[in-house]
Amino acid sequence: MKYEFERKAWEFGLLSLRFQVNYWLLVRLGLVGFGIVAALVGALLTIGVYQWLIL
């Protein structure tokens, strides 16, 4: 299946960069790889914020 997305007017700007990075990772890693990377980044950010709040 092929999905095509239309960009809304409010999606230009910083969201555009985020979409491009996510799309690039999705194409390179596939859906499972992208999910693993997203989970790892989320865990690292959570640990970093937790450590920052504790210290």
C-alpha atoms as a PDB file:
ATOM      1  CA  MET A   1       0.000   0.000   0.000  1.00  0.00           C
ATOM      2  CA  LYS A   2       1.074   3.517  -0.656  1.00  0.00           C
ATOM      3  CA  TYR A   3      -0.040   6.387   1.522  1.00  0.00           C
ATOM      4  CA  GLU A   4       0.039  10.011   0.495  1.00  0.00           C
ATOM      5  CA  PHE A   5      -0.396  12.893   2.884  1.00  0.00           C
ATOM      6  CA  GLU A   6      -1.436  16.454   2.259  1.00  0.00           C
ATOM      7  CA  ARG A   7       0.248  19.124   4.318  1.00  0.00           C
ATOM      8  CA  LYS A   8      -1.943  21.612   6.119  1.00  0.00           C
ATOM      9  CA  ALA A   9      -1.124  25.326   6.251  1.00  0.00           C
ATOM     10  CA  TRP A  10      -0.031  25.128   9.907  1.00  0.00           C
ATOM     11  CA  GLU A  11       2.387  22.271   9.218  1.00  0.00           C
ATOM     12  CA  PHE A  12       4.985  24.486   7.567  1.00  0.00           C
ATOM     13  CA  GLY A  13       7.808  25.610   9.830  1.00  0.00           C
ATOM     14  CA  LEU A  14       9.256  23.510  12.641  1.00  0.00           C
ATOM     15  CA  LEU A  15       6.750  20.719  12.114  1.00  0.00           C
ATOM     16  CA  SER A  16       8.029  20.429   8.575  1.00  0.00           C
ATOM     17  CA  LEU A  17      11.541  19.624   9.812  1.00  0.00           C
ATOM     18  CA  ARG A  18      10.168  17.108  12.311  1.00  0.00           C
ATOM     19  CA  PHE A  19       8.117  15.428   9.589  1.00  0.00           C
ATOM     20  CA  GLN A  20      11.112  15.234   7.261  1.00  0.00           C
ATOM     21  CA  VAL A  21      13.314  13.645   9.949  1.00  0.00           C
ATOM     22  CA  ASN A  22      10.600  11.158  10.931  1.00  0.00           C
ATOM     23  CA  TYR A  23       9.925  10.280   7.297  1.00  0.00           C
ATOM     24  CA  TRP A  24      13.631   9.794   6.581  1.00  0.00           C
ATOM     25  CA  LEU A  25      13.983   7.469   9.593  1.00  0.00           C
ATOM     26  CA  LEU A  26      10.839   5.591   8.619  1.00  0.00           C
ATOM     27  CA  VAL A  27      12.083   4.994   5.081  1.00  0.00           C
ATOM     28  CA  ARG A  28      15.580   3.930   6.227  1.00  0.00           C
ATOM     29  CA  LEU A  29      14.633   1.788   9.240  1.00  0.00           C
ATOM     30  CA  GLY A  30      11.148   0.543   8.450  1.00  0.00           C
ATOM     31  CA  LEU A  31       8.204   0.630  10.818  1.00  0.00           C
ATOM     32  CA  VAL A  32       9.663  -1.708  13.451  1.00  0.00           C
ATOM     33  CA  GLY A  33      13.048   0.026  13.463  1.00  0.00           C
ATOM     34  CA  PHE A  34      11.395   3.428  13.687  1.00  0.00           C
ATOM     35  CA  GLY A  35       9.333   2.231  16.653  1.00  0.00           C
ATOM     36  CA  ILE A  36      12.439   0.950  18.430  1.00  0.00           C
ATOM     37  CA  VAL A  37      14.314   4.223  17.824  1.00  0.00           C
ATOM     38  CA  ALA A  38      11.310   6.263  19.004  1.00  0.00           C
ATOM     39  CA  ALA A  39      11.039   4.175  22.189  1.00  0.00           C
ATOM     40  CA  LEU A  40      14.769   4.521  22.919  1.00  0.00           C
ATOM     41  CA  VAL A  41      14.738   8.281  22.343  1.00  0.00           C
ATOM     42  CA  GLY A  42      11.675   8.627  24.573  1.00  0.00           C
ATOM     43  CA  ALA A  43      13.312   6.586  27.319  1.00  0.00           C
ATOM     44  CA  LEU A  44      16.549   8.589  27.119  1.00  0.00           C
ATOM     45  CA  LEU A  45      14.672  11.889  27.243  1.00  0.00           C
ATOM     46  CA  THR A  46      12.636  10.687  30.216  1.00  0.00           C
ATOM     47  CA  ILE A  47      15.773   9.628  32.081  1.00  0.00           C
ATOM     48  CA  GLY A  48      17.489  12.930  31.218  1.00  0.00           C
ATOM     49  CA  VAL A  49      14.586  15.063  32.426  1.00  0.00           C
ATOM     50  CA  TYR A  50      14.243  12.923  35.563  1.00  0.00           C
ATOM     51  CA  GLN A  51      17.929  13.333  36.357  1.00  0.00           C
ATOM     52  CA  TRP A  52      17.762  17.058  35.685  1.00  0.00           C
ATOM     53  CA  LEU A  53      14.802  17.475  38.041  1.00  0.00           C
ATOM     54  CA  ILE A  54      16.445  15.418  40.794  1.00  0.00           C
ATOM     55  CA  LEU A  55      19.741  17.305  40.623  1.00  0.00           C
END
